[in-house]
PDB file of all heavy atoms in Angstrom:
ATOM      1  N   GLU A   1     164.479  64.088 109.900  1.00  0.00           N
ATOM      2  CA  GLU A   1     165.486  63.715 110.891  1.00  0.00           C
ATOM      3  C   GLU A   1     164.968  64.073 112.292  1.00  0.00           C
ATOM      4  O   GLU A   1     164.019  64.861 112.426  1.00  0.00           O
ATOM      5  CB  GLU A   1     166.796  64.449 110.614  1.00  0.00           C
ATOM      6  CG  GLU A   1     167.385  64.196 109.226  1.00  0.00           C
ATOM      7  CD  GLU A   1     167.849  62.764 109.026  1.00  0.00           C
ATOM      8  OE1 GLU A   1     168.392  62.175 109.985  1.00  0.00           O
ATOM      9  OE2 GLU A   1     167.678  62.232 107.914  1.00  0.00           O
ATOM     10  N   PRO A   2     165.583  63.523 113.346  1.00  0.00           N
ATOM     11  CA  PRO A   2     165.109  63.798 114.713  1.00  0.00           C
ATOM     12  C   PRO A   2     165.131  65.277 115.097  1.00  0.00           C
ATOM     13  O   PRO A   2     164.373  65.697 115.971  1.00  0.00           O
ATOM     14  CB  PRO A   2     166.084  62.997 115.594  1.00  0.00           C
ATOM     15  CG  PRO A   2     166.596  61.917 114.707  1.00  0.00           C
ATOM     16  CD  PRO A   2     166.654  62.503 113.333  1.00  0.00           C
ATOM     17  N   ASP A   3     165.998  66.078 114.444  1.00  0.00           N
ATOM     18  CA  ASP A   3     166.039  67.511 114.763  1.00  0.00           C
ATOM     19  C   ASP A   3     165.038  68.319 113.942  1.00  0.00           C
ATOM     20  O   ASP A   3     165.065  69.552 113.952  1.00  0.00           O
ATOM     21  CB  ASP A   3     167.456  68.064 114.579  1.00  0.00           C
ATOM     22  CG  ASP A   3     167.969  67.943 113.145  1.00  0.00           C
ATOM     23  OD1 ASP A   3     167.256  67.345 112.300  1.00  0.00           O
ATOM     24  OD2 ASP A   3     169.079  68.425 112.865  1.00  0.00           O
ATOM     25  N   GLU A   4     164.150  67.621 113.233  1.00  0.00           N
ATOM     26  CA  GLU A   4     163.158  68.303 112.396  1.00  0.00           C
ATOM     27  C   GLU A   4     161.720  68.009 112.841  1.00  0.00           C
ATOM     28  O   GLU A   4     160.786  68.091 112.043  1.00  0.00           O
ATOM     29  CB  GLU A   4     163.340  67.896 110.928  1.00  0.00           C
ATOM     30  CG  GLU A   4     164.678  68.322 110.343  1.00  0.00           C
ATOM     31  CD  GLU A   4     164.900  67.810 108.929  1.00  0.00           C
ATOM     32  OE1 GLU A   4     164.515  66.652 108.635  1.00  0.00           O
ATOM     33  OE2 GLU A   4     165.469  68.571 108.110  1.00  0.00           O
ATOM     34  N   LEU A   5     161.558  67.668 114.112  1.00  0.00           N
ATOM     35  CA  LEU A   5     160.218  67.309 114.601  1.00  0.00           C
ATOM     36  C   LEU A   5     159.238  68.474 114.529  1.00  0.00           C
ATOM     37  O   LEU A   5     158.023  68.262 114.530  1.00  0.00           O
ATOM     38  CB  LEU A   5     160.297  66.778 116.040  1.00  0.00           C
ATOM     39  CG  LEU A   5     161.104  65.492 116.256  1.00  0.00           C
ATOM     40  CD1 LEU A   5     160.962  65.019 117.700  1.00  0.00           C
ATOM     41  CD2 LEU A   5     160.684  64.394 115.291  1.00  0.00           C
ATOM     42  N   PHE A   6     159.756  69.703 114.431  1.00  0.00           N
ATOM     43  CA  PHE A   6     158.869  70.858 114.270  1.00  0.00           C
ATOM     44  C   PHE A   6     158.047  70.742 112.985  1.00  0.00           C
ATOM     45  O   PHE A   6     156.978  71.351 112.859  1.00  0.00           O
ATOM     46  CB  PHE A   6     159.687  72.164 114.260  1.00  0.00           C
ATOM     47  CG  PHE A   6     160.676  72.254 113.120  1.00  0.00           C
ATOM     48  CD1 PHE A   6     160.307  72.819 111.902  1.00  0.00           C
ATOM     49  CD2 PHE A   6     161.977  71.765 113.271  1.00  0.00           C
ATOM     50  CE1 PHE A   6     161.204  72.903 110.860  1.00  0.00           C
ATOM     51  CE2 PHE A   6     162.878  71.843 112.224  1.00  0.00           C
ATOM     52  CZ  PHE A   6     162.501  72.414 111.012  1.00  0.00           C
ATOM     53  N   MET A   7     158.533  69.951 112.031  1.00  0.00           N
ATOM     54  CA  MET A   7     157.823  69.785 110.756  1.00  0.00           C
ATOM     55  C   MET A   7     156.575  68.916 110.898  1.00  0.00           C
ATOM     56  O   MET A   7     155.768  68.833 109.964  1.00  0.00           O
ATOM     57  CB  MET A   7     158.757  69.188 109.703  1.00  0.00           C
ATOM     58  CG  MET A   7     159.960  70.060 109.399  1.00  0.00           C
ATOM     59  SD  MET A   7     160.888  69.492 107.967  1.00  0.00           S
ATOM     60  CE  MET A   7     159.877  70.149 106.640  1.00  0.00           C
ATOM     61  N   LEU A   8     156.391  68.286 112.053  1.00  0.00           N
ATOM     62  CA  LEU A   8     155.178  67.487 112.263  1.00  0.00           C
ATOM     63  C   LEU A   8     153.922  68.360 112.215  1.00  0.00           C
ATOM     64  O   LEU A   8     152.831  67.864 111.950  1.00  0.00           O
ATOM     65  CB  LEU A   8     155.256  66.756 113.615  1.00  0.00           C
ATOM     66  CG  LEU A   8     156.287  65.630 113.688  1.00  0.00           C
ATOM     67  CD1 LEU A   8     156.369  65.077 115.110  1.00  0.00           C
ATOM     68  CD2 LEU A   8     155.965  64.512 112.700  1.00  0.00           C
ATOM     69  N   LYS A   9     154.077  69.669 112.447  1.00  0.00           N
ATOM     70  CA  LYS A   9     152.932  70.590 112.313  1.00  0.00           C
ATOM     71  C   LYS A   9     152.390  70.550 110.886  1.00  0.00           C
ATOM     72  O   LYS A   9     151.174  70.589 110.656  1.00  0.00           O
ATOM     73  CB  LYS A   9     153.388  72.005 112.686  1.00  0.00           C
ATOM     74  CG  LYS A   9     152.304  73.084 112.508  1.00  0.00           C
ATOM     75  CD  LYS A   9     151.187  72.922 113.526  1.00  0.00           C
ATOM     76  CE  LYS A   9     150.313  74.153 113.648  1.00  0.00           C
ATOM     77  NZ  LYS A   9     149.648  74.598 112.439  1.00  0.00           N
ATOM     78  N   LYS A  10     153.289  70.436 109.899  1.00  0.00           N
ATOM     79  CA  LYS A  10     152.866  70.354 108.494  1.00  0.00           C
ATOM     80  C   LYS A  10     152.097  69.058 108.242  1.00  0.00           C
ATOM     81  O   LYS A  10     151.138  69.030 107.469  1.00  0.00           O
ATOM     82  CB  LYS A  10     154.081  70.421 107.572  1.00  0.00           C
ATOM     83  CG  LYS A  10     154.826  71.744 107.619  1.00  0.00           C
ATOM     84  CD  LYS A  10     156.042  71.744 106.710  1.00  0.00           C
ATOM     85  CE  LYS A  10     155.647  71.772 105.246  1.00  0.00           C
ATOM     86  NZ  LYS A  10     156.828  71.890 104.354  1.00  0.00           N
ATOM     87  N   LEU A  11     152.519  67.986 108.904  1.00  0.00           N
ATOM     88  CA  LEU A  11     151.830  66.703 108.775  1.00  0.00           C
ATOM     89  C   LEU A  11     150.393  66.829 109.280  1.00  0.00           C
ATOM     90  O   LEU A  11     149.447  66.366 108.636  1.00  0.00           O
ATOM     91  CB  LEU A  11     152.587  65.625 109.565  1.00  0.00           C
ATOM     92  CG  LEU A  11     151.963  64.235 109.594  1.00  0.00           C
ATOM     93  CD1 LEU A  11     152.032  63.585 108.218  1.00  0.00           C
ATOM     94  CD2 LEU A  11     152.656  63.347 110.637  1.00  0.00           C
ATOM     95  N   ILE A  12     150.245  67.453 110.430  1.00  0.00           N
ATOM     96  CA  ILE A  12     148.923  67.597 111.051  1.00  0.00           C
ATOM     97  C   ILE A  12     148.024  68.527 110.228  1.00  0.00           C
ATOM     98  O   ILE A  12     146.822  68.303 110.099  1.00  0.00           O
ATOM     99  CB  ILE A  12     149.088  68.105 112.499  1.00  0.00           C
ATOM    100  CG1 ILE A  12     149.769  67.019 113.338  1.00  0.00           C
ATOM    101  CG2 ILE A  12     147.756  68.493 113.100  1.00  0.00           C
ATOM    102  CD1 ILE A  12     150.493  67.518 114.538  1.00  0.00           C
ATOM    103  N   ASP A  13     148.634  69.553 109.621  1.00  0.00           N
ATOM    104  CA  ASP A  13     147.872  70.512 108.815  1.00  0.00           C
ATOM    105  C   ASP A  13     147.573  69.983 107.411  1.00  0.00           C
ATOM    106  O   ASP A  13     146.854  70.644 106.647  1.00  0.00           O
ATOM    107  CB  ASP A  13     148.637  71.835 108.701  1.00  0.00           C
ATOM    108  CG  ASP A  13     148.703  72.585 110.021  1.00  0.00           C
ATOM    109  OD1 ASP A  13     147.885  72.274 110.919  1.00  0.00           O
ATOM    110  OD2 ASP A  13     149.581  73.459 110.173  1.00  0.00           O
ATOM    111  N   GLY A  14     148.158  68.829 107.066  1.00  0.00           N
ATOM    112  CA  GLY A  14     147.967  68.302 105.714  1.00  0.00           C
ATOM    113  C   GLY A  14     148.809  69.025 104.673  1.00  0.00           C
ATOM    114  O   GLY A  14     148.534  68.938 103.469  1.00  0.00           O
ATOM    115  N   ASP A  15     149.841  69.733 105.125  1.00  0.00           N
ATOM    116  CA  ASP A  15     150.692  70.523 104.236  1.00  0.00           C
ATOM    117  C   ASP A  15     151.869  69.669 103.749  1.00  0.00           C
ATOM    118  O   ASP A  15     153.012  69.853 104.160  1.00  0.00           O
ATOM    119  CB  ASP A  15     151.194  71.767 104.986  1.00  0.00           C
ATOM    120  CG  ASP A  15     152.050  72.673 104.106  1.00  0.00           C
ATOM    121  OD1 ASP A  15     152.009  72.517 102.868  1.00  0.00           O
ATOM    122  OD2 ASP A  15     152.781  73.520 104.672  1.00  0.00           O
ATOM    123  N   TYR A  16     151.556  68.704 102.897  1.00  0.00           N
ATOM    124  CA  TYR A  16     152.608  67.816 102.391  1.00  0.00           C
ATOM    125  C   TYR A  16     152.193  67.235 101.046  1.00  0.00           C
ATOM    126  O   TYR A  16     151.040  67.348 100.639  1.00  0.00           O
ATOM    127  CB  TYR A  16     152.900  66.685 103.387  1.00  0.00           C
ATOM    128  CG  TYR A  16     151.690  65.848 103.780  1.00  0.00           C
ATOM    129  CD1 TYR A  16     151.241  64.803 102.974  1.00  0.00           C
ATOM    130  CD2 TYR A  16     151.010  66.096 104.980  1.00  0.00           C
ATOM    131  CE1 TYR A  16     150.148  64.034 103.345  1.00  0.00           C
ATOM    132  CE2 TYR A  16     149.907  65.333 105.345  1.00  0.00           C
ATOM    133  CZ  TYR A  16     149.485  64.304 104.528  1.00  0.00           C
ATOM    134  OH  TYR A  16     148.409  63.538 104.882  1.00  0.00           O
ATOM    135  N   THR A  17     153.170  66.630 100.373  1.00  0.00           N
ATOM    136  CA  THR A  17     152.881  65.928  99.121  1.00  0.00           C
ATOM    137  C   THR A  17     153.084  64.431  99.341  1.00  0.00           C
ATOM    138  O   THR A  17     153.691  64.016 100.345  1.00  0.00           O
ATOM    139  CB  THR A  17     153.798  66.408  97.978  1.00  0.00           C
ATOM    140  OG1 THR A  17     155.171  66.221  98.376  1.00  0.00           O
ATOM    141  CG2 THR A  17     153.549  67.874  97.669  1.00  0.00           C
ATOM    142  N   ILE A  18     152.578  63.646  98.409  1.00  0.00           N
ATOM    143  CA  ILE A  18     152.709  62.187  98.492  1.00  0.00           C
ATOM    144  C   ILE A  18     153.553  61.680  97.326  1.00  0.00           C
ATOM    145  O   ILE A  18     153.327  62.069  96.177  1.00  0.00           O
ATOM    146  CB  ILE A  18     151.319  61.502  98.448  1.00  0.00           C
ATOM    147  CG1 ILE A  18     150.510  61.849  99.698  1.00  0.00           C
ATOM    148  CG2 ILE A  18     151.459  59.988  98.304  1.00  0.00           C
ATOM    149  CD1 ILE A  18     151.090  61.294 100.980  1.00  0.00           C
ATOM    150  N   GLU A  19     154.537  60.868  97.635  1.00  0.00           N
ATOM    151  CA  GLU A  19     155.317  60.184  96.597  1.00  0.00           C
ATOM    152  C   GLU A  19     154.846  58.739  96.529  1.00  0.00           C
ATOM    153  O   GLU A  19     154.924  58.004  97.520  1.00  0.00           O
ATOM    154  CB  GLU A  19     156.817  60.211  96.925  1.00  0.00           C
ATOM    155  CG  GLU A  19     157.484  61.513  96.616  1.00  0.00           C
ATOM    156  CD  GLU A  19     159.006  61.401  96.723  1.00  0.00           C
ATOM    157  OE1 GLU A  19     159.520  60.284  96.988  1.00  0.00           O
ATOM    158  OE2 GLU A  19     159.672  62.431  96.561  1.00  0.00           O
ATOM    159  N   LYS A  20     154.365  58.341  95.370  1.00  0.00           N
ATOM    160  CA  LYS A  20     153.937  56.961  95.193  1.00  0.00           C
ATOM    161  C   LYS A  20     155.117  56.137  94.683  1.00  0.00           C
ATOM    162  O   LYS A  20     155.704  56.459  93.653  1.00  0.00           O
ATOM    163  CB  LYS A  20     152.755  56.889  94.229  1.00  0.00           C
ATOM    164  CG  LYS A  20     151.487  57.519  94.797  1.00  0.00           C
ATOM    165  CD  LYS A  20     150.280  57.271  93.911  1.00  0.00           C
ATOM    166  CE  LYS A  20     149.019  57.836  94.571  1.00  0.00           C
ATOM    167  NZ  LYS A  20     147.803  57.572  93.777  1.00  0.00           N
ATOM    168  N   ARG A  21     155.463  55.097  95.426  1.00  0.00           N
ATOM    169  CA  ARG A  21     156.601  54.256  95.083  1.00  0.00           C
ATOM    170  C   ARG A  21     156.132  52.875  94.631  1.00  0.00           C
ATOM    171  O   ARG A  21     155.340  52.209  95.312  1.00  0.00           O
ATOM    172  CB  ARG A  21     157.519  54.096  96.301  1.00  0.00           C
ATOM    173  CG  ARG A  21     158.065  55.416  96.864  1.00  0.00           C
ATOM    174  CD  ARG A  21     159.115  56.019  95.955  1.00  0.00           C
ATOM    175  NE  ARG A  21     159.704  57.213  96.524  1.00  0.00           N
ATOM    176  CZ  ARG A  21     160.795  57.213  97.308  1.00  0.00           C
ATOM    177  NH1 ARG A  21     161.392  56.063  97.620  1.00  0.00           N
ATOM    178  NH2 ARG A  21     161.278  58.346  97.766  1.00  0.00           N
ATOM    179  N   MET A  22     156.624  52.470  93.480  1.00  0.00           N
ATOM    180  CA  MET A  22     156.327  51.156  92.947  1.00  0.00           C
ATOM    181  C   MET A  22     156.861  50.059  93.871  1.00  0.00           C
ATOM    182  O   MET A  22     157.892  50.216  94.524  1.00  0.00           O
ATOM    183  CB  MET A  22     157.005  51.040  91.576  1.00  0.00           C
ATOM    184  CG  MET A  22     156.945  49.683  90.935  1.00  0.00           C
ATOM    185  SD  MET A  22     157.999  49.667  89.464  1.00  0.00           S
ATOM    186  CE  MET A  22     158.448  47.937  89.463  1.00  0.00           C
ATOM    187  N   MET A  23     156.146  48.941  93.937  1.00  0.00           N
ATOM    188  CA  MET A  23     156.587  47.774  94.703  1.00  0.00           C
ATOM    189  C   MET A  23     156.696  46.560  93.780  1.00  0.00           C
ATOM    190  O   MET A  23     156.165  46.569  92.659  1.00  0.00           O
ATOM    191  CB  MET A  23     155.611  47.474  95.839  1.00  0.00           C
ATOM    192  CG  MET A  23     155.466  48.608  96.834  1.00  0.00           C
ATOM    193  SD  MET A  23     154.313  48.221  98.179  1.00  0.00           S
ATOM    194  CE  MET A  23     155.307  47.110  99.188  1.00  0.00           C
ATOM    195  N   LEU A  24     157.391  45.551  94.246  1.00  0.00           N
ATOM    196  CA  LEU A  24     157.490  44.288  93.508  1.00  0.00           C
ATOM    197  C   LEU A  24     156.540  43.259  94.107  1.00  0.00           C
ATOM    198  O   LEU A  24     156.333  43.225  95.327  1.00  0.00           O
ATOM    199  CB  LEU A  24     158.913  43.725  93.581  1.00  0.00           C
ATOM    200  CG  LEU A  24     160.044  44.550  92.975  1.00  0.00           C
ATOM    201  CD1 LEU A  24     161.385  43.865  93.235  1.00  0.00           C
ATOM    202  CD2 LEU A  24     159.834  44.781  91.487  1.00  0.00           C
ATOM    203  N   LYS A  25     155.980  42.436  93.244  1.00  0.00           N
ATOM    204  CA  LYS A  25     155.267  41.242  93.701  1.00  0.00           C
ATOM    205  C   LYS A  25     156.143  40.046  93.366  1.00  0.00           C
ATOM    206  O   LYS A  25     156.544  39.865  92.217  1.00  0.00           O
ATOM    207  CB  LYS A  25     153.901  41.106  93.031  1.00  0.00           C
ATOM    208  CG  LYS A  25     153.144  39.858  93.489  1.00  0.00           C
ATOM    209  CD  LYS A  25     151.674  39.877  93.066  1.00  0.00           C
ATOM    210  CE  LYS A  25     151.528  39.617  91.587  1.00  0.00           C
ATOM    211  NZ  LYS A  25     150.103  39.481  91.184  1.00  0.00           N
ATOM    212  N   ILE A  26     156.464  39.258  94.384  1.00  0.00           N
ATOM    213  CA  ILE A  26     157.338  38.095  94.216  1.00  0.00           C
ATOM    214  C   ILE A  26     156.517  36.842  94.475  1.00  0.00           C
ATOM    215  O   ILE A  26     155.922  36.692  95.541  1.00  0.00           O
ATOM    216  CB  ILE A  26     158.542  38.141  95.195  1.00  0.00           C
ATOM    217  CG1 ILE A  26     159.348  39.422  94.961  1.00  0.00           C
ATOM    218  CG2 ILE A  26     159.421  36.912  95.044  1.00  0.00           C
ATOM    219  CD1 ILE A  26     159.101  40.506  95.971  1.00  0.00           C
TER     220      ILE A  26
END
């Protein structure tokens, strides 16, 4: 959320997980 921009430090440090989401082919 906009009040959580402090968490961008984790993005820069690579301190995150990845969720892989399935997509559809139409």
